[in-house]
């Protein structure tokens, strides 16, 4: 009888482990190397200014389509309601056009996993008040 009661708990634990393994965060990257990868983004993006694309300062934790002062988002990006974090950025940066069909970002993506991890590590450093993202008025 005890074994019958333990079976659902064991099955639940196995499912939890499978979910954690399959949705693990991307590997930690090198922000200095990521800054070099970010050079590819500079044609459209900037850490501290909106350009053709939105600024990346404060990207982590922001919802897609909501960069302050940027109004060039596609309807697809506004409607995606993605909260940017390491996992969502990893998926998006691997293949933007597949991750958000209809996005106006015409970039093919960063297929190399290590380069993506480095880029994401760099993007995580772009917080308001940092050297790359001076506070408004600085």
Protein backbone atom coordinates (compact mmCIF):
# COMPACT_ATOMS: atom_id res chain seq x y z
CA UNK A 1 0.00 0.00 0.00
CA UNK A 2 2.85 2.36 0.87
CA UNK A 3 4.41 1.80 -2.56
CA UNK A 4 1.14 2.84 -4.23
CA UNK A 5 1.12 6.13 -2.30
CA UNK A 6 4.77 6.85 -3.16
CA UNK A 7 4.33 6.24 -6.90
CA UNK A 8 2.63 9.59 -7.69
CA UNK A 9 5.28 11.49 -5.72
CA UNK A 10 8.07 9.70 -7.56
CA UNK A 11 6.41 10.33 -10.91
CA UNK A 12 6.03 14.01 -10.03
CA UNK A 13 9.69 14.24 -9.05
CA UNK A 14 10.74 12.62 -12.33
CA UNK A 15 8.67 15.13 -14.30
CA UNK A 16 10.16 18.02 -12.32
CA UNK A 17 13.70 16.81 -13.01
CA UNK A 18 12.92 16.43 -16.72
CA UNK A 19 11.55 19.98 -16.85
CA UNK A 20 14.53 21.46 -15.05
CA UNK A 21 16.96 19.64 -17.35
CA UNK A 22 15.15 20.60 -20.54
CA UNK A 23 14.68 24.26 -19.57
CA UNK A 24 18.08 24.88 -18.01
CA UNK A 25 19.49 28.38 -18.41
CA UNK A 26 22.07 28.90 -21.12
CA UNK A 27 25.68 28.54 -20.04
CA UNK A 28 27.26 31.50 -18.28
CA UNK A 29 29.10 33.70 -20.74
CA UNK A 30 31.95 36.18 -20.76
CA UNK A 31 30.70 39.80 -20.83
CA UNK A 32 33.97 41.08 -22.37
CA UNK A 33 33.65 38.62 -25.24
CA UNK A 34 29.95 39.48 -25.45
CA UNK A 35 30.78 43.14 -25.96
CA UNK A 36 32.70 42.08 -29.07
CA UNK A 37 29.68 40.10 -30.30
CA UNK A 38 27.51 43.16 -29.57
CA UNK A 39 29.50 45.09 -32.17
CA UNK A 40 27.30 43.30 -34.75
CA UNK A 41 24.23 44.87 -33.15
CA UNK A 42 25.51 48.45 -33.25
CA UNK A 43 24.15 49.13 -36.74
CA UNK A 44 20.66 49.19 -35.22
CA UNK A 45 21.02 49.18 -31.43
CA UNK A 46 22.88 51.07 -28.74
CA UNK A 47 23.17 50.43 -25.02
CA UNK A 48 21.92 53.92 -24.13
CA UNK A 49 20.02 55.33 -27.14
CA UNK A 50 17.10 54.23 -29.26
CA UNK A 51 18.13 53.95 -32.89
CA UNK A 52 16.59 51.86 -35.65
CA UNK A 53 16.04 49.36 -32.83
CA UNK A 54 15.43 50.02 -29.13
CA UNK A 55 18.20 50.69 -26.61
CA UNK A 56 19.41 47.73 -24.59
CA UNK A 57 20.07 49.50 -21.29
CA UNK A 58 17.73 47.91 -18.76
CA UNK A 59 16.78 45.07 -21.11
CA UNK A 60 16.76 42.33 -18.44
CA UNK A 61 13.34 42.20 -16.82
CA UNK A 62 11.74 44.44 -19.45
CA UNK A 63 8.78 43.13 -21.43
CA UNK A 64 9.19 42.98 -25.21
CA UNK A 65 7.87 45.99 -27.05
CA UNK A 66 8.15 48.39 -24.10
CA UNK A 67 11.51 50.24 -24.29
CA UNK A 68 10.91 53.79 -23.08
CA UNK A 69 10.70 56.29 -25.91
CA UNK A 70 10.89 53.71 -28.70
CA UNK A 71 7.88 53.47 -31.00
CA UNK A 72 9.24 51.39 -33.89
CA UNK A 73 8.16 47.98 -32.61
CA UNK A 74 6.34 45.55 -34.84
CA UNK A 75 2.91 44.46 -33.68
CA UNK A 76 4.36 40.95 -33.27
CA UNK A 77 7.01 42.16 -30.80
CA UNK A 78 4.53 44.27 -28.84
CA UNK A 79 2.12 41.34 -28.65
CA UNK A 80 4.78 38.75 -27.77
CA UNK A 81 4.82 39.83 -24.10
CA UNK A 82 8.22 38.22 -23.52
CA UNK A 83 9.99 39.16 -20.31
CA UNK A 84 13.66 39.35 -21.27
CA UNK A 85 15.97 37.16 -19.22
CA UNK A 86 18.83 34.80 -20.05
CA UNK A 87 16.51 32.00 -21.19
CA UNK A 88 14.19 34.13 -23.34
CA UNK A 89 17.10 36.04 -24.87
CA UNK A 90 18.90 32.78 -25.68
CA UNK A 91 15.85 31.52 -27.57
CA UNK A 92 15.23 34.83 -29.33
CA UNK A 93 18.85 35.52 -30.29
CA UNK A 94 19.27 32.02 -31.72
CA UNK A 95 16.60 32.72 -34.37
CA UNK A 96 14.66 35.99 -33.94
CA UNK A 97 12.39 35.46 -36.94
CA UNK A 98 11.33 32.04 -35.62
CA UNK A 99 11.02 33.10 -31.99
CA UNK A 100 8.78 36.07 -32.82
CA UNK A 101 7.25 35.55 -36.27
CA UNK A 102 6.47 38.93 -37.76
CA UNK A 103 9.19 40.82 -35.89
CA UNK A 104 10.67 43.69 -37.86
CA UNK A 105 14.16 42.74 -36.66
CA UNK A 106 15.65 41.33 -39.84
CA UNK A 107 18.73 39.86 -38.16
CA UNK A 108 19.24 36.13 -38.74
CA UNK A 109 20.47 35.56 -35.18
CA UNK A 110 23.53 34.29 -33.36
CA UNK A 111 23.66 30.55 -34.05
CA UNK A 112 26.78 29.86 -31.97
CA UNK A 113 25.74 28.94 -28.41
CA UNK A 114 28.92 30.28 -26.80
CA UNK A 115 28.66 33.62 -28.63
CA UNK A 116 25.02 33.90 -27.54
CA UNK A 117 25.96 33.18 -23.93
CA UNK A 118 28.69 35.84 -24.11
CA UNK A 119 26.29 38.35 -25.68
CA UNK A 120 23.65 37.66 -23.03
CA UNK A 121 26.26 38.09 -20.28
CA UNK A 122 27.16 41.47 -21.79
CA UNK A 123 23.51 42.53 -22.11
CA UNK A 124 23.06 41.68 -18.41
CA UNK A 125 25.68 44.34 -17.56
CA UNK A 126 23.66 47.07 -19.28
CA UNK A 127 21.88 48.39 -16.22
CA UNK A 128 20.89 52.01 -15.69
CA UNK A 129 23.67 53.92 -13.99
CA UNK A 130 26.42 51.64 -15.30
CA UNK A 131 29.27 52.98 -17.43
CA UNK A 132 27.55 51.87 -20.64
CA UNK A 133 24.15 53.16 -19.46
CA UNK A 134 24.58 56.48 -17.70
CA UNK A 135 21.58 57.67 -15.76
CA UNK A 136 19.33 60.15 -17.56
CA UNK A 137 20.94 63.55 -17.50
CA UNK A 138 24.52 62.25 -17.08
